[in-house]
All heavy atoms as atom14 arrays in JSON, in Angstrom:
{
  "sequence": "ADVSQFVIISDQQEKVKFSIISKAVVPDVSLI",
  "atom14_mask": [
    [1, 1, 1, 1, 1, 0, 0, 0, 0, 0, 0, 0, 0, 0],
    [1, 1, 1, 1, 1, 1, 1, 1, 0, 0, 0, 0, 0, 0],
    [1, 1, 1, 1, 1, 1, 1, 0, 0, 0, 0, 0, 0, 0],
    [1, 1, 1, 1, 1, 1, 0, 0, 0, 0, 0, 0, 0, 0],
    [1, 1, 1, 1, 1, 1, 1, 1, 1, 0, 0, 0, 0, 0],
    [1, 1, 1, 1, 1, 1, 1, 1, 1, 1, 1, 0, 0, 0],
    [1, 1, 1, 1, 1, 1, 1, 0, 0, 0, 0, 0, 0, 0],
    [1, 1, 1, 1, 1, 1, 1, 1, 0, 0, 0, 0, 0, 0],
    [1, 1, 1, 1, 1, 1, 1, 1, 0, 0, 0, 0, 0, 0],
    [1, 1, 1, 1, 1, 1, 0, 0, 0, 0, 0, 0, 0, 0],
    [1, 1, 1, 1, 1, 1, 1, 1, 0, 0, 0, 0, 0, 0],
    [1, 1, 1, 1, 1, 1, 1, 1, 1, 0, 0, 0, 0, 0],
    [1, 1, 1, 1, 1, 1, 1, 1, 1, 0, 0, 0, 0, 0],
    [1, 1, 1, 1, 1, 1, 1, 1, 1, 0, 0, 0, 0, 0],
    [1, 1, 1, 1, 1, 1, 1, 1, 1, 0, 0, 0, 0, 0],
    [1, 1, 1, 1, 1, 1, 1, 0, 0, 0, 0, 0, 0, 0],
    [1, 1, 1, 1, 1, 1, 1, 1, 1, 0, 0, 0, 0, 0],
    [1, 1, 1, 1, 1, 1, 1, 1, 1, 1, 1, 0, 0, 0],
    [1, 1, 1, 1, 1, 1, 0, 0, 0, 0, 0, 0, 0, 0],
    [1, 1, 1, 1, 1, 1, 1, 1, 0, 0, 0, 0, 0, 0],
    [1, 1, 1, 1, 1, 1, 1, 1, 0, 0, 0, 0, 0, 0],
    [1, 1, 1, 1, 1, 1, 0, 0, 0, 0, 0, 0, 0, 0],
    [1, 1, 1, 1, 1, 1, 1, 1, 1, 0, 0, 0, 0, 0],
    [1, 1, 1, 1, 1, 0, 0, 0, 0, 0, 0, 0, 0, 0],
    [1, 1, 1, 1, 1, 1, 1, 0, 0, 0, 0, 0, 0, 0],
    [1, 1, 1, 1, 1, 1, 1, 0, 0, 0, 0, 0, 0, 0],
    [1, 1, 1, 1, 1, 1, 1, 0, 0, 0, 0, 0, 0, 0],
    [1, 1, 1, 1, 1, 1, 1, 1, 0, 0, 0, 0, 0, 0],
    [1, 1, 1, 1, 1, 1, 1, 0, 0, 0, 0, 0, 0, 0],
    [1, 1, 1, 1, 1, 1, 0, 0, 0, 0, 0, 0, 0, 0],
    [1, 1, 1, 1, 1, 1, 1, 1, 0, 0, 0, 0, 0, 0],
    [1, 1, 1, 1, 1, 1, 1, 1, 0, 0, 0, 0, 0, 0]
  ],
  "atom14_positions": [
    [[4.07, -20.65, 0.85], [4.84, -21.01, -0.42], [4.03, -22.11, -1.15], [4.11, -22.29, -2.3], [6.26, -21.53, -0.12], [0.0, 0.0, 0.0], [0.0, 0.0, 0.0], [0.0, 0.0, 0.0], [0.0, 0.0, 0.0], [0.0, 0.0, 0.0], [0.0, 0.0, 0.0], [0.0, 0.0, 0.0], [0.0, 0.0, 0.0], [0.0, 0.0, 0.0]],
    [[3.19, -22.86, -0.31], [2.46, -23.9, -0.86], [1.35, -23.49, -1.92], [0.79, -24.33, -2.65], [1.87, -24.8, 0.23], [1.14, -23.97, 1.19], [1.76, -23.2, 1.95], [-0.07, -24.1, 1.25], [0.0, 0.0, 0.0], [0.0, 0.0, 0.0], [0.0, 0.0, 0.0], [0.0, 0.0, 0.0], [0.0, 0.0, 0.0], [0.0, 0.0, 0.0]],
    [[0.95, -22.17, -1.83], [-0.05, -21.74, -2.75], [0.32, -20.51, -3.59], [-0.37, -20.05, -4.34], [-1.39, -21.3, -2.0], [-2.05, -22.54, -1.32], [-1.19, -20.2, -0.98], [0.0, 0.0, 0.0], [0.0, 0.0, 0.0], [0.0, 0.0, 0.0], [0.0, 0.0, 0.0], [0.0, 0.0, 0.0], [0.0, 0.0, 0.0], [0.0, 0.0, 0.0]],
    [[1.63, -20.12, -3.44], [1.98, -18.89, -4.0], [2.9, -19.07, -5.28], [3.36, -20.04, -5.61], [2.84, -18.0, -2.96], [4.24, -18.51, -3.09], [0.0, 0.0, 0.0], [0.0, 0.0, 0.0], [0.0, 0.0, 0.0], [0.0, 0.0, 0.0], [0.0, 0.0, 0.0], [0.0, 0.0, 0.0], [0.0, 0.0, 0.0], [0.0, 0.0, 0.0]],
    [[2.94, -17.9, -6.05], [3.84, -17.86, -7.28], [5.17, -17.19, -6.95], [5.78, -16.65, -7.81], [3.07, -17.16, -8.44], [2.39, -15.92, -8.17], [1.74, -15.39, -9.44], [2.14, -15.74, -10.57], [0.72, -14.54, -9.28], [0.0, 0.0, 0.0], [0.0, 0.0, 0.0], [0.0, 0.0, 0.0], [0.0, 0.0, 0.0], [0.0, 0.0, 0.0]],
    [[5.58, -17.31, -5.64], [6.86, -16.76, -5.25], [7.9, -17.82, -4.99], [7.53, -18.88, -4.44], [6.63, -15.98, -3.93], [6.1, -14.6, -4.13], [4.74, -14.41, -4.57], [6.88, -13.57, -3.81], [4.3, -13.16, -4.74], [6.37, -12.23, -3.94], [5.09, -11.99, -4.38], [0.0, 0.0, 0.0], [0.0, 0.0, 0.0], [0.0, 0.0, 0.0]],
    [[9.11, -17.52, -5.3], [10.26, -18.34, -4.79], [11.32, -17.38, -4.24], [11.65, -16.42, -4.98], [10.99, -19.14, -5.92], [12.02, -20.08, -5.32], [9.92, -19.92, -6.69], [0.0, 0.0, 0.0], [0.0, 0.0, 0.0], [0.0, 0.0, 0.0], [0.0, 0.0, 0.0], [0.0, 0.0, 0.0], [0.0, 0.0, 0.0], [0.0, 0.0, 0.0]],
    [[11.68, -17.5, -3.06], [12.77, -16.68, -2.54], [13.95, -17.42, -2.15], [13.9, -18.31, -1.38], [12.34, -15.86, -1.27], [10.82, -15.27, -1.43], [13.24, -14.75, -0.88], [10.66, -14.29, -2.52], [0.0, 0.0, 0.0], [0.0, 0.0, 0.0], [0.0, 0.0, 0.0], [0.0, 0.0, 0.0], [0.0, 0.0, 0.0], [0.0, 0.0, 0.0]],
    [[15.14, -17.07, -2.79], [16.39, -17.86, -2.58], [17.53, -16.88, -2.1], [17.55, -15.72, -2.52], [16.79, -18.48, -3.92], [15.69, -19.47, -4.41], [18.13, -19.24, -3.75], [15.45, -20.77, -3.45], [0.0, 0.0, 0.0], [0.0, 0.0, 0.0], [0.0, 0.0, 0.0], [0.0, 0.0, 0.0], [0.0, 0.0, 0.0], [0.0, 0.0, 0.0]],
    [[18.39, -17.38, -1.23], [19.51, -16.56, -0.73], [20.76, -16.81, -1.6], [21.12, -17.93, -1.83], [19.88, -16.97, 0.72], [19.09, -16.16, 1.64], [0.0, 0.0, 0.0], [0.0, 0.0, 0.0], [0.0, 0.0, 0.0], [0.0, 0.0, 0.0], [0.0, 0.0, 0.0], [0.0, 0.0, 0.0], [0.0, 0.0, 0.0], [0.0, 0.0, 0.0]],
    [[21.48, -15.8, -1.91], [22.76, -15.84, -2.55], [23.74, -15.44, -1.45], [23.89, -14.2, -1.2], [22.72, -14.9, -3.74], [24.13, -14.92, -4.41], [25.12, -15.49, -3.79], [24.29, -14.54, -5.58], [0.0, 0.0, 0.0], [0.0, 0.0, 0.0], [0.0, 0.0, 0.0], [0.0, 0.0, 0.0], [0.0, 0.0, 0.0], [0.0, 0.0, 0.0]],
    [[24.33, -16.43, -0.81], [25.21, -16.03, 0.37], [26.43, -15.38, 0.0], [27.03, -14.69, 0.8], [25.5, -17.33, 1.2], [24.32, -17.73, 2.17], [23.84, -16.64, 3.08], [22.84, -16.04, 2.83], [24.6, -16.39, 4.12], [0.0, 0.0, 0.0], [0.0, 0.0, 0.0], [0.0, 0.0, 0.0], [0.0, 0.0, 0.0], [0.0, 0.0, 0.0]],
    [[26.97, -15.64, -1.22], [28.13, -14.94, -1.67], [27.85, -13.43, -1.67], [28.68, -12.64, -1.27], [28.51, -15.35, -3.14], [29.53, -16.54, -3.25], [28.84, -17.73, -2.74], [27.79, -18.13, -3.2], [29.51, -18.49, -1.82], [0.0, 0.0, 0.0], [0.0, 0.0, 0.0], [0.0, 0.0, 0.0], [0.0, 0.0, 0.0], [0.0, 0.0, 0.0]],
    [[26.74, -13.08, -2.27], [26.4, -11.58, -2.44], [25.72, -11.01, -1.16], [25.41, -9.89, -1.13], [25.52, -11.42, -3.61], [26.18, -11.83, -4.89], [27.25, -10.88, -5.29], [27.24, -9.7, -5.1], [28.25, -11.43, -5.91], [0.0, 0.0, 0.0], [0.0, 0.0, 0.0], [0.0, 0.0, 0.0], [0.0, 0.0, 0.0], [0.0, 0.0, 0.0]],
    [[25.28, -11.98, -0.17], [24.49, -11.55, 0.98], [23.21, -10.95, 0.58], [22.72, -9.94, 1.1], [25.27, -10.66, 1.79], [26.3, -11.35, 2.79], [26.94, -10.38, 3.78], [26.84, -10.74, 5.24], [27.46, -11.91, 5.7], [0.0, 0.0, 0.0], [0.0, 0.0, 0.0], [0.0, 0.0, 0.0], [0.0, 0.0, 0.0], [0.0, 0.0, 0.0]],
    [[22.59, -11.47, -0.46], [21.25, -10.99, -0.9], [20.19, -12.13, -1.01], [20.67, -13.3, -1.23], [21.32, -10.18, -2.25], [22.15, -8.89, -2.0], [21.85, -11.02, -3.29], [0.0, 0.0, 0.0], [0.0, 0.0, 0.0], [0.0, 0.0, 0.0], [0.0, 0.0, 0.0], [0.0, 0.0, 0.0], [0.0, 0.0, 0.0], [0.0, 0.0, 0.0]],
    [[18.96, -11.74, -0.99], [17.93, -12.67, -1.34], [17.31, -12.2, -2.6], [17.26, -11.02, -2.84], [16.82, -12.67, -0.25], [17.01, -13.48, 0.97], [15.8, -13.42, 1.85], [15.76, -14.79, 2.64], [14.5, -14.78, 3.41], [0.0, 0.0, 0.0], [0.0, 0.0, 0.0], [0.0, 0.0, 0.0], [0.0, 0.0, 0.0], [0.0, 0.0, 0.0]],
    [[17.04, -13.19, -3.48], [16.38, -12.67, -4.75], [15.07, -13.39, -4.84], [14.86, -14.52, -4.43], [17.27, -12.87, -5.91], [17.72, -14.28, -6.31], [16.98, -15.07, -7.15], [18.82, -14.78, -5.64], [17.41, -16.32, -7.46], [19.16, -16.14, -5.97], [18.44, -16.94, -6.86], [0.0, 0.0, 0.0], [0.0, 0.0, 0.0], [0.0, 0.0, 0.0]],
    [[14.15, -12.68, -5.61], [12.78, -13.23, -5.77], [12.58, -13.73, -7.21], [13.04, -13.06, -8.11], [11.79, -12.17, -5.52], [12.01, -11.58, -4.24], [0.0, 0.0, 0.0], [0.0, 0.0, 0.0], [0.0, 0.0, 0.0], [0.0, 0.0, 0.0], [0.0, 0.0, 0.0], [0.0, 0.0, 0.0], [0.0, 0.0, 0.0], [0.0, 0.0, 0.0]],
    [[11.86, -14.81, -7.3], [11.34, -15.32, -8.68], [9.79, -15.36, -8.48], [9.38, -15.92, -7.58], [11.94, -16.73, -8.96], [13.54, -16.67, -9.02], [11.35, -17.21, -10.26], [14.06, -18.09, -9.02], [0.0, 0.0, 0.0], [0.0, 0.0, 0.0], [0.0, 0.0, 0.0], [0.0, 0.0, 0.0], [0.0, 0.0, 0.0], [0.0, 0.0, 0.0]],
    [[9.07, -14.69, -9.39], [7.69, -14.64, -9.33], [7.12, -15.08, -10.68], [7.47, -14.5, -11.67], [7.17, -13.19, -8.98], [7.76, -12.63, -7.74], [5.64, -13.22, -8.86], [7.47, -11.24, -7.33], [0.0, 0.0, 0.0], [0.0, 0.0, 0.0], [0.0, 0.0, 0.0], [0.0, 0.0, 0.0], [0.0, 0.0, 0.0], [0.0, 0.0, 0.0]],
    [[6.46, -16.23, -10.61], [5.87, -16.71, -11.9], [4.73, -17.72, -11.59], [4.93, -18.5, -10.59], [6.97, -17.45, -12.67], [6.4, -18.26, -13.73], [0.0, 0.0, 0.0], [0.0, 0.0, 0.0], [0.0, 0.0, 0.0], [0.0, 0.0, 0.0], [0.0, 0.0, 0.0], [0.0, 0.0, 0.0], [0.0, 0.0, 0.0], [0.0, 0.0, 0.0]],
    [[3.63, -17.72, -12.45], [2.7, -18.66, -12.09], [3.17, -20.09, -12.45], [2.52, -21.05, -11.98], [1.35, -18.37, -12.76], [1.36, -18.48, -14.25], [-0.19, -18.33, -14.72], [-0.28, -18.7, -16.18], [-0.96, -17.68, -16.93], [0.0, 0.0, 0.0], [0.0, 0.0, 0.0], [0.0, 0.0, 0.0], [0.0, 0.0, 0.0], [0.0, 0.0, 0.0]],
    [[4.3, -20.24, -13.03], [4.87, -21.61, -13.4], [5.31, -22.29, -12.02], [5.48, -23.52, -12.06], [6.04, -21.42, -14.28], [0.0, 0.0, 0.0], [0.0, 0.0, 0.0], [0.0, 0.0, 0.0], [0.0, 0.0, 0.0], [0.0, 0.0, 0.0], [0.0, 0.0, 0.0], [0.0, 0.0, 0.0], [0.0, 0.0, 0.0], [0.0, 0.0, 0.0]],
    [[5.44, -21.49, -10.94], [5.91, -22.11, -9.69], [4.76, -22.26, -8.71], [5.04, -22.64, -7.53], [7.09, -21.4, -8.95], [8.32, -21.53, -9.88], [6.77, -19.92, -8.61], [0.0, 0.0, 0.0], [0.0, 0.0, 0.0], [0.0, 0.0, 0.0], [0.0, 0.0, 0.0], [0.0, 0.0, 0.0], [0.0, 0.0, 0.0], [0.0, 0.0, 0.0]],
    [[3.62, -21.97, -9.09], [2.42, -22.33, -8.22], [2.33, -23.78, -8.19], [2.25, -24.52, -9.26], [1.12, -21.74, -8.84], [-0.15, -22.25, -7.99], [1.13, -20.2, -8.87], [0.0, 0.0, 0.0], [0.0, 0.0, 0.0], [0.0, 0.0, 0.0], [0.0, 0.0, 0.0], [0.0, 0.0, 0.0], [0.0, 0.0, 0.0], [0.0, 0.0, 0.0]],
    [[2.36, -24.33, -6.98], [2.36, -25.9, -6.87], [1.12, -26.52, -7.65], [0.1, -25.8, -7.75], [2.3, -26.17, -5.41], [2.96, -24.96, -4.78], [2.63, -23.85, -5.7], [0.0, 0.0, 0.0], [0.0, 0.0, 0.0], [0.0, 0.0, 0.0], [0.0, 0.0, 0.0], [0.0, 0.0, 0.0], [0.0, 0.0, 0.0], [0.0, 0.0, 0.0]],
    [[1.26, -27.73, -8.08], [0.09, -28.44, -8.61], [-1.0, -28.77, -7.65], [-2.21, -28.55, -7.77], [0.54, -29.57, -9.47], [1.37, -29.22, -10.58], [0.87, -28.85, -11.54], [2.6, -29.36, -10.47], [0.0, 0.0, 0.0], [0.0, 0.0, 0.0], [0.0, 0.0, 0.0], [0.0, 0.0, 0.0], [0.0, 0.0, 0.0], [0.0, 0.0, 0.0]],
    [[-0.45, -29.28, -6.53], [-1.3, -29.71, -5.38], [-0.75, -29.25, -4.11], [0.55, -29.35, -3.82], [-1.5, -31.32, -5.39], [-2.31, -31.76, -4.18], [-2.12, -31.81, -6.69], [0.0, 0.0, 0.0], [0.0, 0.0, 0.0], [0.0, 0.0, 0.0], [0.0, 0.0, 0.0], [0.0, 0.0, 0.0], [0.0, 0.0, 0.0], [0.0, 0.0, 0.0]],
    [[-1.62, -28.83, -3.21], [-1.15, -28.39, -1.9], [-2.01, -29.22, -0.84], [-3.21, -29.11, -0.85], [-1.39, -26.93, -1.66], [-0.96, -26.52, -0.39], [0.0, 0.0, 0.0], [0.0, 0.0, 0.0], [0.0, 0.0, 0.0], [0.0, 0.0, 0.0], [0.0, 0.0, 0.0], [0.0, 0.0, 0.0], [0.0, 0.0, 0.0], [0.0, 0.0, 0.0]],
    [[-1.37, -30.03, -0.01], [-2.03, -30.76, 0.98], [-1.78, -30.07, 2.29], [-0.78, -30.06, 2.87], [-1.39, -32.21, 1.04], [-1.33, -32.97, -0.21], [-0.59, -34.27, -0.14], [-2.83, -33.28, -0.8], [0.0, 0.0, 0.0], [0.0, 0.0, 0.0], [0.0, 0.0, 0.0], [0.0, 0.0, 0.0], [0.0, 0.0, 0.0], [0.0, 0.0, 0.0]],
    [[-2.84, -29.36, 2.72], [-2.71, -28.43, 4.02], [-3.28, -29.14, 5.09], [-4.54, -29.3, 5.29], [-3.35, -27.11, 3.62], [-2.69, -26.47, 2.41], [-3.23, -26.18, 4.86], [-3.22, -25.14, 2.01], [0.0, 0.0, 0.0], [0.0, 0.0, 0.0], [0.0, 0.0, 0.0], [0.0, 0.0, 0.0], [0.0, 0.0, 0.0], [0.0, 0.0, 0.0]]
  ]
}
C-alpha cells in the first residue's frame, strides 16, 4: 500500500470490500 495507487476499504454493513484506484493516493514518500 506504501507504493500503490490502491485503497481497499470494507463496508461491514454490506459485507463487501470496495476498491479506490487513483494516482492521487500514491503516497508522497515511502520509508521502507
